[in-house]
All heavy atoms as atom14 arrays in JSON, in Angstrom:
{
  "sequence": "PRPEVIQRIDYDAHGKIRFKPQEALWADGPSPWPVTFFHLGRFFYKPV",
  "atom14_mask": [
    [1, 1, 1, 1, 1, 1, 1, 0, 0, 0, 0, 0, 0, 0],
    [1, 1, 1, 1, 1, 1, 1, 1, 1, 1, 1, 0, 0, 0],
    [1, 1, 1, 1, 1, 1, 1, 0, 0, 0, 0, 0, 0, 0],
    [1, 1, 1, 1, 1, 1, 1, 1, 1, 0, 0, 0, 0, 0],
    [1, 1, 1, 1, 1, 1, 1, 0, 0, 0, 0, 0, 0, 0],
    [1, 1, 1, 1, 1, 1, 1, 1, 0, 0, 0, 0, 0, 0],
    [1, 1, 1, 1, 1, 1, 1, 1, 1, 0, 0, 0, 0, 0],
    [1, 1, 1, 1, 1, 1, 1, 1, 1, 1, 1, 0, 0, 0],
    [1, 1, 1, 1, 1, 1, 1, 1, 0, 0, 0, 0, 0, 0],
    [1, 1, 1, 1, 1, 1, 1, 1, 0, 0, 0, 0, 0, 0],
    [1, 1, 1, 1, 1, 1, 1, 1, 1, 1, 1, 1, 0, 0],
    [1, 1, 1, 1, 1, 1, 1, 1, 0, 0, 0, 0, 0, 0],
    [1, 1, 1, 1, 1, 0, 0, 0, 0, 0, 0, 0, 0, 0],
    [1, 1, 1, 1, 1, 1, 1, 1, 1, 1, 0, 0, 0, 0],
    [1, 1, 1, 1, 0, 0, 0, 0, 0, 0, 0, 0, 0, 0],
    [1, 1, 1, 1, 1, 1, 1, 1, 1, 0, 0, 0, 0, 0],
    [1, 1, 1, 1, 1, 1, 1, 1, 0, 0, 0, 0, 0, 0],
    [1, 1, 1, 1, 1, 1, 1, 1, 1, 1, 1, 0, 0, 0],
    [1, 1, 1, 1, 1, 1, 1, 1, 1, 1, 1, 0, 0, 0],
    [1, 1, 1, 1, 1, 1, 1, 1, 1, 0, 0, 0, 0, 0],
    [1, 1, 1, 1, 1, 1, 1, 0, 0, 0, 0, 0, 0, 0],
    [1, 1, 1, 1, 1, 1, 1, 1, 1, 0, 0, 0, 0, 0],
    [1, 1, 1, 1, 1, 1, 1, 1, 1, 0, 0, 0, 0, 0],
    [1, 1, 1, 1, 1, 0, 0, 0, 0, 0, 0, 0, 0, 0],
    [1, 1, 1, 1, 1, 1, 1, 1, 0, 0, 0, 0, 0, 0],
    [1, 1, 1, 1, 1, 1, 1, 1, 1, 1, 1, 1, 1, 1],
    [1, 1, 1, 1, 1, 0, 0, 0, 0, 0, 0, 0, 0, 0],
    [1, 1, 1, 1, 1, 1, 1, 1, 0, 0, 0, 0, 0, 0],
    [1, 1, 1, 1, 0, 0, 0, 0, 0, 0, 0, 0, 0, 0],
    [1, 1, 1, 1, 1, 1, 1, 0, 0, 0, 0, 0, 0, 0],
    [1, 1, 1, 1, 1, 1, 0, 0, 0, 0, 0, 0, 0, 0],
    [1, 1, 1, 1, 1, 1, 1, 0, 0, 0, 0, 0, 0, 0],
    [1, 1, 1, 1, 1, 1, 1, 1, 1, 1, 1, 1, 1, 1],
    [1, 1, 1, 1, 1, 1, 1, 0, 0, 0, 0, 0, 0, 0],
    [1, 1, 1, 1, 1, 1, 1, 0, 0, 0, 0, 0, 0, 0],
    [1, 1, 1, 1, 1, 1, 1, 0, 0, 0, 0, 0, 0, 0],
    [1, 1, 1, 1, 1, 1, 1, 1, 1, 1, 1, 0, 0, 0],
    [1, 1, 1, 1, 1, 1, 1, 1, 1, 1, 1, 0, 0, 0],
    [1, 1, 1, 1, 1, 1, 1, 1, 1, 1, 0, 0, 0, 0],
    [1, 1, 1, 1, 1, 1, 1, 1, 0, 0, 0, 0, 0, 0],
    [1, 1, 1, 1, 0, 0, 0, 0, 0, 0, 0, 0, 0, 0],
    [1, 1, 1, 1, 1, 1, 1, 1, 1, 1, 1, 0, 0, 0],
    [1, 1, 1, 1, 1, 1, 1, 1, 1, 1, 1, 0, 0, 0],
    [1, 1, 1, 1, 1, 1, 1, 1, 1, 1, 1, 0, 0, 0],
    [1, 1, 1, 1, 1, 1, 1, 1, 1, 1, 1, 1, 0, 0],
    [1, 1, 1, 1, 1, 1, 1, 1, 1, 0, 0, 0, 0, 0],
    [1, 1, 1, 1, 1, 1, 1, 0, 0, 0, 0, 0, 0, 0],
    [1, 1, 1, 1, 1, 1, 1, 0, 0, 0, 0, 0, 0, 0]
  ],
  "atom14_positions": [
    [[-8.7, 7.89, -7.59], [-7.97, 9.16, -7.66], [-6.93, 9.14, -8.78], [-6.17, 8.19, -8.92], [-7.3, 9.26, -6.29], [-7.12, 7.83, -5.87], [-8.3, 7.08, -6.43], [0.0, 0.0, 0.0], [0.0, 0.0, 0.0], [0.0, 0.0, 0.0], [0.0, 0.0, 0.0], [0.0, 0.0, 0.0], [0.0, 0.0, 0.0], [0.0, 0.0, 0.0]],
    [[-6.94, 10.15, -9.6], [-5.94, 10.29, -10.67], [-5.79, 8.98, -11.46], [-4.74, 8.32, -11.42], [-4.59, 10.71, -10.08], [-4.58, 12.02, -9.3], [-4.69, 13.22, -10.21], [-3.59, 13.28, -11.16], [-2.39, 13.81, -10.88], [-2.16, 14.34, -9.68], [-1.45, 13.84, -11.8], [0.0, 0.0, 0.0], [0.0, 0.0, 0.0], [0.0, 0.0, 0.0]],
    [[-6.84, 8.56, -12.18], [-6.78, 7.28, -12.92], [-5.57, 7.17, -13.85], [-5.01, 6.09, -14.03], [-8.09, 7.28, -13.71], [-9.0, 8.16, -12.94], [-8.13, 9.23, -12.35], [0.0, 0.0, 0.0], [0.0, 0.0, 0.0], [0.0, 0.0, 0.0], [0.0, 0.0, 0.0], [0.0, 0.0, 0.0], [0.0, 0.0, 0.0], [0.0, 0.0, 0.0]],
    [[-5.16, 8.3, -14.46], [-4.02, 8.25, -15.36], [-2.73, 7.91, -14.62], [-1.82, 7.26, -15.17], [-3.87, 9.59, -16.11], [-3.34, 10.76, -15.28], [-4.36, 11.37, -14.33], [-5.51, 10.89, -14.3], [-4.0, 12.34, -13.62], [0.0, 0.0, 0.0], [0.0, 0.0, 0.0], [0.0, 0.0, 0.0], [0.0, 0.0, 0.0], [0.0, 0.0, 0.0]],
    [[-2.64, 8.3, -13.34], [-1.48, 7.94, -12.52], [-1.57, 6.47, -12.11], [-0.58, 5.72, -12.18], [-1.38, 8.84, -11.28], [-0.24, 8.39, -10.37], [-1.17, 10.29, -11.7], [0.0, 0.0, 0.0], [0.0, 0.0, 0.0], [0.0, 0.0, 0.0], [0.0, 0.0, 0.0], [0.0, 0.0, 0.0], [0.0, 0.0, 0.0], [0.0, 0.0, 0.0]],
    [[-2.75, 6.05, -11.67], [-2.95, 4.66, -11.24], [-2.56, 3.69, -12.36], [-1.93, 2.65, -12.11], [-4.42, 4.43, -10.83], [-4.78, 5.27, -9.59], [-4.68, 2.94, -10.55], [-4.09, 4.85, -8.33], [0.0, 0.0, 0.0], [0.0, 0.0, 0.0], [0.0, 0.0, 0.0], [0.0, 0.0, 0.0], [0.0, 0.0, 0.0], [0.0, 0.0, 0.0]],
    [[-2.91, 4.0, -13.59], [-2.6, 3.12, -14.72], [-1.09, 2.98, -14.93], [-0.62, 1.96, -15.45], [-3.27, 3.62, -15.99], [-4.75, 3.32, -16.06], [-5.03, 1.82, -15.99], [-4.5, 1.03, -16.76], [-5.87, 1.43, -15.03], [0.0, 0.0, 0.0], [0.0, 0.0, 0.0], [0.0, 0.0, 0.0], [0.0, 0.0, 0.0], [0.0, 0.0, 0.0]],
    [[-0.33, 3.97, -14.55], [1.12, 3.89, -14.7], [1.78, 3.02, -13.63], [2.94, 2.62, -13.77], [1.71, 5.3, -14.66], [1.41, 6.11, -15.93], [1.62, 7.6, -15.69], [2.89, 7.9, -15.02], [3.09, 8.99, -14.27], [2.09, 9.86, -14.07], [4.26, 9.19, -13.71], [0.0, 0.0, 0.0], [0.0, 0.0, 0.0], [0.0, 0.0, 0.0]],
    [[1.04, 2.72, -12.56], [1.58, 1.86, -11.5], [1.29, 0.41, -11.91], [0.35, -0.24, -11.42], [0.98, 2.2, -10.13], [1.12, 3.7, -9.84], [1.66, 1.4, -9.03], [0.45, 4.15, -8.55], [0.0, 0.0, 0.0], [0.0, 0.0, 0.0], [0.0, 0.0, 0.0], [0.0, 0.0, 0.0], [0.0, 0.0, 0.0], [0.0, 0.0, 0.0]],
    [[2.06, -0.11, -12.85], [1.84, -1.45, -13.37], [2.4, -2.5, -12.41], [2.8, -2.18, -11.28], [2.44, -1.59, -14.76], [3.95, -1.3, -14.8], [4.59, -1.28, -13.72], [4.49, -1.09, -15.91], [0.0, 0.0, 0.0], [0.0, 0.0, 0.0], [0.0, 0.0, 0.0], [0.0, 0.0, 0.0], [0.0, 0.0, 0.0], [0.0, 0.0, 0.0]],
    [[2.43, -3.75, -12.86], [2.85, -4.85, -11.98], [4.26, -4.61, -11.43], [4.51, -4.77, -10.24], [2.79, -6.17, -12.74], [3.16, -7.38, -11.9], [2.22, -8.0, -11.1], [4.47, -7.89, -11.91], [2.55, -9.12, -10.33], [4.81, -8.99, -11.15], [3.85, -9.59, -10.36], [4.19, -10.68, -9.59], [0.0, 0.0, 0.0], [0.0, 0.0, 0.0]],
    [[5.19, -4.23, -12.31], [6.57, -4.02, -11.87], [6.67, -2.83, -10.91], [7.35, -2.91, -9.88], [7.48, -3.79, -13.07], [7.67, -5.06, -13.89], [7.51, -6.16, -13.32], [7.96, -4.96, -15.09], [0.0, 0.0, 0.0], [0.0, 0.0, 0.0], [0.0, 0.0, 0.0], [0.0, 0.0, 0.0], [0.0, 0.0, 0.0], [0.0, 0.0, 0.0]],
    [[6.01, -1.73, -11.25], [6.07, -0.54, -10.39], [5.42, -0.81, -9.04], [5.92, -0.37, -8.0], [5.39, 0.65, -11.08], [0.0, 0.0, 0.0], [0.0, 0.0, 0.0], [0.0, 0.0, 0.0], [0.0, 0.0, 0.0], [0.0, 0.0, 0.0], [0.0, 0.0, 0.0], [0.0, 0.0, 0.0], [0.0, 0.0, 0.0], [0.0, 0.0, 0.0]],
    [[4.31, -1.56, -9.04], [3.63, -1.87, -7.79], [4.49, -2.74, -6.88], [4.5, -2.57, -5.66], [2.29, -2.55, -8.08], [1.35, -2.58, -6.92], [1.27, -3.66, -6.06], [0.44, -1.68, -6.47], [0.35, -3.41, -5.14], [-0.16, -2.23, -5.36], [0.0, 0.0, 0.0], [0.0, 0.0, 0.0], [0.0, 0.0, 0.0], [0.0, 0.0, 0.0]],
    [[5.24, -3.66, -7.5], [6.08, -4.55, -6.72], [7.24, -3.85, -6.02], [7.84, -4.42, -5.1], [0.0, 0.0, 0.0], [0.0, 0.0, 0.0], [0.0, 0.0, 0.0], [0.0, 0.0, 0.0], [0.0, 0.0, 0.0], [0.0, 0.0, 0.0], [0.0, 0.0, 0.0], [0.0, 0.0, 0.0], [0.0, 0.0, 0.0], [0.0, 0.0, 0.0]],
    [[7.55, -2.64, -6.44], [8.64, -1.88, -5.82], [8.17, -0.96, -4.71], [8.98, -0.22, -4.14], [9.36, -1.06, -6.9], [10.02, -1.9, -7.98], [10.6, -1.02, -9.08], [11.2, -1.87, -10.19], [11.71, -1.02, -11.31], [0.0, 0.0, 0.0], [0.0, 0.0, 0.0], [0.0, 0.0, 0.0], [0.0, 0.0, 0.0], [0.0, 0.0, 0.0]],
    [[6.87, -0.99, -4.42], [6.31, -0.12, -3.38], [5.97, -0.96, -2.16], [5.21, -1.92, -2.26], [5.04, 0.6, -3.89], [5.34, 1.39, -5.17], [4.47, 1.51, -2.82], [4.1, 1.96, -5.84], [0.0, 0.0, 0.0], [0.0, 0.0, 0.0], [0.0, 0.0, 0.0], [0.0, 0.0, 0.0], [0.0, 0.0, 0.0], [0.0, 0.0, 0.0]],
    [[6.52, -0.6, -1.01], [6.27, -1.36, 0.22], [5.97, -0.39, 1.35], [6.62, 0.65, 1.49], [7.5, -2.2, 0.61], [7.94, -3.19, -0.44], [7.01, -4.34, -0.57], [7.05, -5.22, 0.59], [6.32, -6.32, 0.7], [5.49, -6.67, -0.24], [6.41, -7.07, 1.79], [0.0, 0.0, 0.0], [0.0, 0.0, 0.0], [0.0, 0.0, 0.0]],
    [[4.99, -0.74, 2.15], [4.66, 0.08, 3.31], [5.8, 0.02, 4.32], [6.37, -1.05, 4.57], [3.36, -0.42, 3.95], [2.77, 0.54, 4.94], [1.96, 1.58, 4.53], [3.03, 0.4, 6.3], [1.41, 2.47, 5.44], [2.49, 1.29, 7.22], [1.68, 2.33, 6.79], [0.0, 0.0, 0.0], [0.0, 0.0, 0.0], [0.0, 0.0, 0.0]],
    [[6.16, 1.14, 4.9], [7.25, 1.2, 5.86], [6.82, 0.55, 7.18], [5.82, 0.97, 7.78], [7.66, 2.64, 6.12], [8.25, 3.36, 4.9], [8.55, 4.82, 5.22], [9.12, 5.54, 4.03], [9.34, 7.0, 4.3], [0.0, 0.0, 0.0], [0.0, 0.0, 0.0], [0.0, 0.0, 0.0], [0.0, 0.0, 0.0], [0.0, 0.0, 0.0]],
    [[7.54, -0.46, 7.65], [7.14, -1.13, 8.89], [7.04, -0.18, 10.07], [6.15, -0.34, 10.92], [8.24, -2.17, 9.1], [8.82, -2.41, 7.75], [8.73, -1.09, 7.04], [0.0, 0.0, 0.0], [0.0, 0.0, 0.0], [0.0, 0.0, 0.0], [0.0, 0.0, 0.0], [0.0, 0.0, 0.0], [0.0, 0.0, 0.0], [0.0, 0.0, 0.0]],
    [[7.9, 0.81, 10.12], [7.86, 1.73, 11.27], [6.59, 2.58, 11.28], [6.25, 3.18, 12.31], [9.1, 2.64, 11.28], [9.25, 3.57, 10.09], [10.02, 2.96, 8.93], [10.06, 1.73, 8.8], [10.64, 3.8, 8.13], [0.0, 0.0, 0.0], [0.0, 0.0, 0.0], [0.0, 0.0, 0.0], [0.0, 0.0, 0.0], [0.0, 0.0, 0.0]],
    [[5.9, 2.65, 10.15], [4.65, 3.4, 10.07], [3.43, 2.53, 10.36], [2.29, 3.0, 10.31], [4.5, 4.01, 8.67], [5.58, 4.99, 8.28], [5.52, 6.29, 9.05], [4.44, 6.59, 9.61], [6.53, 7.01, 9.11], [0.0, 0.0, 0.0], [0.0, 0.0, 0.0], [0.0, 0.0, 0.0], [0.0, 0.0, 0.0], [0.0, 0.0, 0.0]],
    [[3.64, 1.24, 10.64], [2.53, 0.3, 10.81], [1.62, 0.72, 11.96], [2.07, 1.23, 12.99], [3.07, -1.11, 11.08], [0.0, 0.0, 0.0], [0.0, 0.0, 0.0], [0.0, 0.0, 0.0], [0.0, 0.0, 0.0], [0.0, 0.0, 0.0], [0.0, 0.0, 0.0], [0.0, 0.0, 0.0], [0.0, 0.0, 0.0], [0.0, 0.0, 0.0]],
    [[0.34, 0.5, 11.77], [-0.62, 0.7, 12.85], [-0.33, -0.33, 13.94], [-0.2, -1.51, 13.66], [-2.04, 0.53, 12.32], [-3.18, 0.66, 13.32], [-3.27, 2.07, 13.88], [-4.5, 0.24, 12.68], [0.0, 0.0, 0.0], [0.0, 0.0, 0.0], [0.0, 0.0, 0.0], [0.0, 0.0, 0.0], [0.0, 0.0, 0.0], [0.0, 0.0, 0.0]],
    [[-0.21, 0.13, 15.18], [0.09, -0.71, 16.34], [1.49, -1.33, 16.26], [1.74, -2.42, 16.77], [-0.96, -1.8, 16.54], [-2.36, -1.28, 16.64], [-2.78, -0.14, 17.26], [-3.54, -1.88, 16.08], [-4.13, 0.02, 17.14], [-4.63, -1.03, 16.41], [-3.78, -3.03, 15.33], [-5.93, -1.3, 16.02], [-5.08, -3.31, 14.95], [-6.13, -2.45, 15.29]],
    [[2.4, -0.65, 15.61], [3.78, -1.14, 15.57], [4.37, -1.28, 16.97], [5.26, -2.1, 17.2], [4.65, -0.19, 14.73], [0.0, 0.0, 0.0], [0.0, 0.0, 0.0], [0.0, 0.0, 0.0], [0.0, 0.0, 0.0], [0.0, 0.0, 0.0], [0.0, 0.0, 0.0], [0.0, 0.0, 0.0], [0.0, 0.0, 0.0], [0.0, 0.0, 0.0]],
    [[3.88, -0.48, 17.92], [4.35, -0.54, 19.3], [3.27, -1.05, 20.25], [3.37, -0.85, 21.46], [4.81, 0.85, 19.74], [5.97, 1.37, 18.91], [6.9, 0.58, 18.66], [5.93, 2.53, 18.48], [0.0, 0.0, 0.0], [0.0, 0.0, 0.0], [0.0, 0.0, 0.0], [0.0, 0.0, 0.0], [0.0, 0.0, 0.0], [0.0, 0.0, 0.0]],
    [[2.24, -1.71, 19.73], [1.17, -2.23, 20.57], [-0.11, -1.42, 20.41], [-0.13, -0.42, 19.7], [0.0, 0.0, 0.0], [0.0, 0.0, 0.0], [0.0, 0.0, 0.0], [0.0, 0.0, 0.0], [0.0, 0.0, 0.0], [0.0, 0.0, 0.0], [0.0, 0.0, 0.0], [0.0, 0.0, 0.0], [0.0, 0.0, 0.0], [0.0, 0.0, 0.0]],
    [[-1.2, -1.82, 21.05], [-1.3, -2.93, 22.0], [-1.43, -4.3, 21.34], [-1.23, -5.32, 21.99], [-2.58, -2.6, 22.77], [-3.43, -1.92, 21.76], [-2.48, -1.09, 20.92], [0.0, 0.0, 0.0], [0.0, 0.0, 0.0], [0.0, 0.0, 0.0], [0.0, 0.0, 0.0], [0.0, 0.0, 0.0], [0.0, 0.0, 0.0], [0.0, 0.0, 0.0]],
    [[-1.81, -4.35, 20.06], [-1.96, -5.64, 19.39], [-0.61, -6.29, 19.18], [0.36, -5.61, 18.82], [-2.66, -5.44, 18.05], [-2.67, -6.65, 17.32], [0.0, 0.0, 0.0], [0.0, 0.0, 0.0], [0.0, 0.0, 0.0], [0.0, 0.0, 0.0], [0.0, 0.0, 0.0], [0.0, 0.0, 0.0], [0.0, 0.0, 0.0], [0.0, 0.0, 0.0]],
    [[-0.5, -7.61, 19.36], [0.74, -8.29, 19.0], [1.01, -8.24, 17.5], [2.12, -8.47, 17.06], [0.5, -9.74, 19.44], [-0.64, -9.7, 20.38], [-1.49, -8.54, 19.96], [0.0, 0.0, 0.0], [0.0, 0.0, 0.0], [0.0, 0.0, 0.0], [0.0, 0.0, 0.0], [0.0, 0.0, 0.0], [0.0, 0.0, 0.0], [0.0, 0.0, 0.0]],
    [[-0.07, -7.92, 16.71], [0.02, -8.02, 15.26], [-0.17, -6.65, 14.62], [-1.29, -6.19, 14.4], [-1.05, -8.99, 14.76], [-0.99, -10.31, 15.46], [-0.02, -11.26, 15.35], [-1.93, -10.83, 16.41], [-0.29, -12.33, 16.15], [-1.48, -12.11, 16.82], [-3.14, -10.37, 16.94], [-2.15, -12.89, 17.72], [-3.82, -11.15, 17.84], [-3.33, -12.4, 18.24]],
    [[0.91, -5.97, 14.25], [0.8, -4.68, 13.58], [0.1, -4.8, 12.23], [0.03, -5.89, 11.64], [2.26, -4.24, 13.41], [3.03, -5.04, 14.41], [2.31, -6.35, 14.5], [0.0, 0.0, 0.0], [0.0, 0.0, 0.0], [0.0, 0.0, 0.0], [0.0, 0.0, 0.0], [0.0, 0.0, 0.0], [0.0, 0.0, 0.0], [0.0, 0.0, 0.0]],
    [[-0.42, -3.68, 11.73], [-1.13, -3.64, 10.46], [-0.35, -2.78, 9.47], [0.04, -1.65, 9.79], [-2.55, -3.06, 10.63], [-3.29, -3.03, 9.29], [-3.33, -3.86, 11.66], [0.0, 0.0, 0.0], [0.0, 0.0, 0.0], [0.0, 0.0, 0.0], [0.0, 0.0, 0.0], [0.0, 0.0, 0.0], [0.0, 0.0, 0.0], [0.0, 0.0, 0.0]],
    [[-0.12, -3.31, 8.27], [0.48, -2.54, 7.19], [-0.51, -2.49, 6.03], [-1.5, -3.24, 6.0], [1.82, -3.13, 6.73], [1.6, -4.48, 6.27], [2.82, -3.14, 7.86], [0.0, 0.0, 0.0], [0.0, 0.0, 0.0], [0.0, 0.0, 0.0], [0.0, 0.0, 0.0], [0.0, 0.0, 0.0], [0.0, 0.0, 0.0], [0.0, 0.0, 0.0]],
    [[-0.24, -1.64, 5.05], [-1.24, -1.36, 4.01], [-0.64, -1.55, 2.63], [0.55, -1.36, 2.4], [-1.77, 0.06, 4.18], [-2.42, 0.29, 5.52], [-1.69, 0.84, 6.57], [-3.73, -0.08, 5.74], [-2.27, 1.03, 7.82], [-4.31, 0.1, 6.98], [-3.59, 0.66, 8.03], [0.0, 0.0, 0.0], [0.0, 0.0, 0.0], [0.0, 0.0, 0.0]],
    [[-1.52, -1.92, 1.67], [-1.15, -2.07, 0.27], [-1.41, -0.77, -0.48], [-2.39, -0.07, -0.24], [-1.96, -3.19, -0.39], [-1.63, -4.57, 0.09], [-2.49, -5.23, 0.96], [-0.48, -5.22, -0.32], [-2.21, -6.51, 1.4], [-0.19, -6.5, 0.11], [-1.05, -7.15, 0.98], [0.0, 0.0, 0.0], [0.0, 0.0, 0.0], [0.0, 0.0, 0.0]],
    [[-0.54, -0.5, -1.44], [-0.66, 0.7, -2.26], [-1.61, 0.46, -3.43], [-1.76, -0.66, -3.93], [0.72, 1.11, -2.79], [0.8, 2.54, -3.2], [0.32, 3.01, -4.4], [1.31, 3.62, -2.55], [0.52, 4.31, -4.49], [1.13, 4.71, -3.38], [0.0, 0.0, 0.0], [0.0, 0.0, 0.0], [0.0, 0.0, 0.0], [0.0, 0.0, 0.0]],
    [[-2.25, 1.51, -3.89], [-3.07, 1.44, -5.1], [-2.19, 1.16, -6.31], [-0.99, 1.43, -6.32], [-3.82, 2.75, -5.31], [-4.89, 3.11, -4.27], [-5.34, 4.55, -4.44], [-6.08, 2.16, -4.37], [0.0, 0.0, 0.0], [0.0, 0.0, 0.0], [0.0, 0.0, 0.0], [0.0, 0.0, 0.0], [0.0, 0.0, 0.0], [0.0, 0.0, 0.0]],
    [[-2.8, 0.61, -7.37], [-2.07, 0.33, -8.6], [-3.03, -0.04, -9.72], [-4.26, -0.04, -9.55], [0.0, 0.0, 0.0], [0.0, 0.0, 0.0], [0.0, 0.0, 0.0], [0.0, 0.0, 0.0], [0.0, 0.0, 0.0], [0.0, 0.0, 0.0], [0.0, 0.0, 0.0], [0.0, 0.0, 0.0], [0.0, 0.0, 0.0], [0.0, 0.0, 0.0]],
    [[-2.48, -0.37, -10.88], [-3.3, -0.66, -12.05], [-4.28, -1.79, -11.8], [-5.42, -1.77, -12.28], [-2.4, -1.02, -13.24], [-3.16, -1.37, -14.51], [-2.22, -1.77, -15.61], [-1.35, -0.67, -16.03], [-0.4, -0.8, -16.95], [-0.2, -1.97, -17.54], [0.35, 0.24, -17.28], [0.0, 0.0, 0.0], [0.0, 0.0, 0.0], [0.0, 0.0, 0.0]],
    [[-3.88, -2.79, -11.04], [-4.73, -3.95, -10.81], [-5.53, -3.84, -9.51], [-6.39, -4.68, -9.25], [-3.89, -5.22, -10.82], [-3.14, -5.42, -12.1], [-1.76, -5.23, -12.16], [-3.8, -5.77, -13.26], [-1.07, -5.4, -13.35], [-3.12, -5.94, -14.46], [-1.75, -5.75, -14.5], [0.0, 0.0, 0.0], [0.0, 0.0, 0.0], [0.0, 0.0, 0.0]],
    [[-5.25, -2.86, -8.72], [-5.99, -2.6, -7.47], [-6.23, -1.09, -7.42], [-5.58, -0.37, -6.66], [-5.19, -3.08, -6.26], [-4.77, -4.52, -6.36], [-3.45, -4.84, -6.67], [-5.67, -5.55, -6.18], [-3.05, -6.15, -6.79], [-5.28, -6.87, -6.31], [-3.97, -7.17, -6.61], [0.0, 0.0, 0.0], [0.0, 0.0, 0.0], [0.0, 0.0, 0.0]],
    [[-7.15, -0.63, -8.25], [-7.3, 0.8, -8.49], [-8.42, 1.45, -7.68], [-8.55, 2.68, -7.69], [-7.53, 1.07, -9.98], [-8.76, 0.39, -10.56], [-10.0, 1.03, -10.54], [-8.68, -0.88, -11.11], [-11.13, 0.42, -11.05], [-9.8, -1.5, -11.62], [-11.02, -0.86, -11.6], [-12.14, -1.48, -12.11], [0.0, 0.0, 0.0], [0.0, 0.0, 0.0]],
    [[-9.24, 0.65, -7.01], [-10.33, 1.21, -6.23], [-9.86, 1.46, -4.79], [-9.44, 0.53, -4.1], [-11.53, 0.28, -6.22], [-12.18, 0.08, -7.59], [-13.37, -0.86, -7.5], [-14.0, -1.09, -8.86], [-15.15, -2.02, -8.79], [0.0, 0.0, 0.0], [0.0, 0.0, 0.0], [0.0, 0.0, 0.0], [0.0, 0.0, 0.0], [0.0, 0.0, 0.0]],
    [[-9.94, 2.7, -4.31], [-9.45, 2.99, -2.96], [-10.36, 2.41, -1.89], [-11.58, 2.4, -2.02], [-9.45, 4.52, -2.91], [-10.49, 4.93, -3.9], [-10.44, 3.91, -5.0], [0.0, 0.0, 0.0], [0.0, 0.0, 0.0], [0.0, 0.0, 0.0], [0.0, 0.0, 0.0], [0.0, 0.0, 0.0], [0.0, 0.0, 0.0], [0.0, 0.0, 0.0]],
    [[-9.74, 1.89, -0.84], [-10.45, 1.41, 0.34], [-10.14, 2.37, 1.49], [-8.97, 2.64, 1.78], [-10.0, -0.02, 0.72], [-10.81, -0.53, 1.9], [-10.15, -0.96, -0.48], [0.0, 0.0, 0.0], [0.0, 0.0, 0.0], [0.0, 0.0, 0.0], [0.0, 0.0, 0.0], [0.0, 0.0, 0.0], [0.0, 0.0, 0.0], [0.0, 0.0, 0.0]]
  ]
}
């Protein structure tokens, strides 16, 4: 999506982006282990 935007999310910009813990999947259960997600960027440009 928007390759020109993805290219601007370089190593430094990507390192400043963090998934909010309160938004984690299963942050309140039932799994003991919540799931957080990585953001797209120049080096990880293919969406999953």
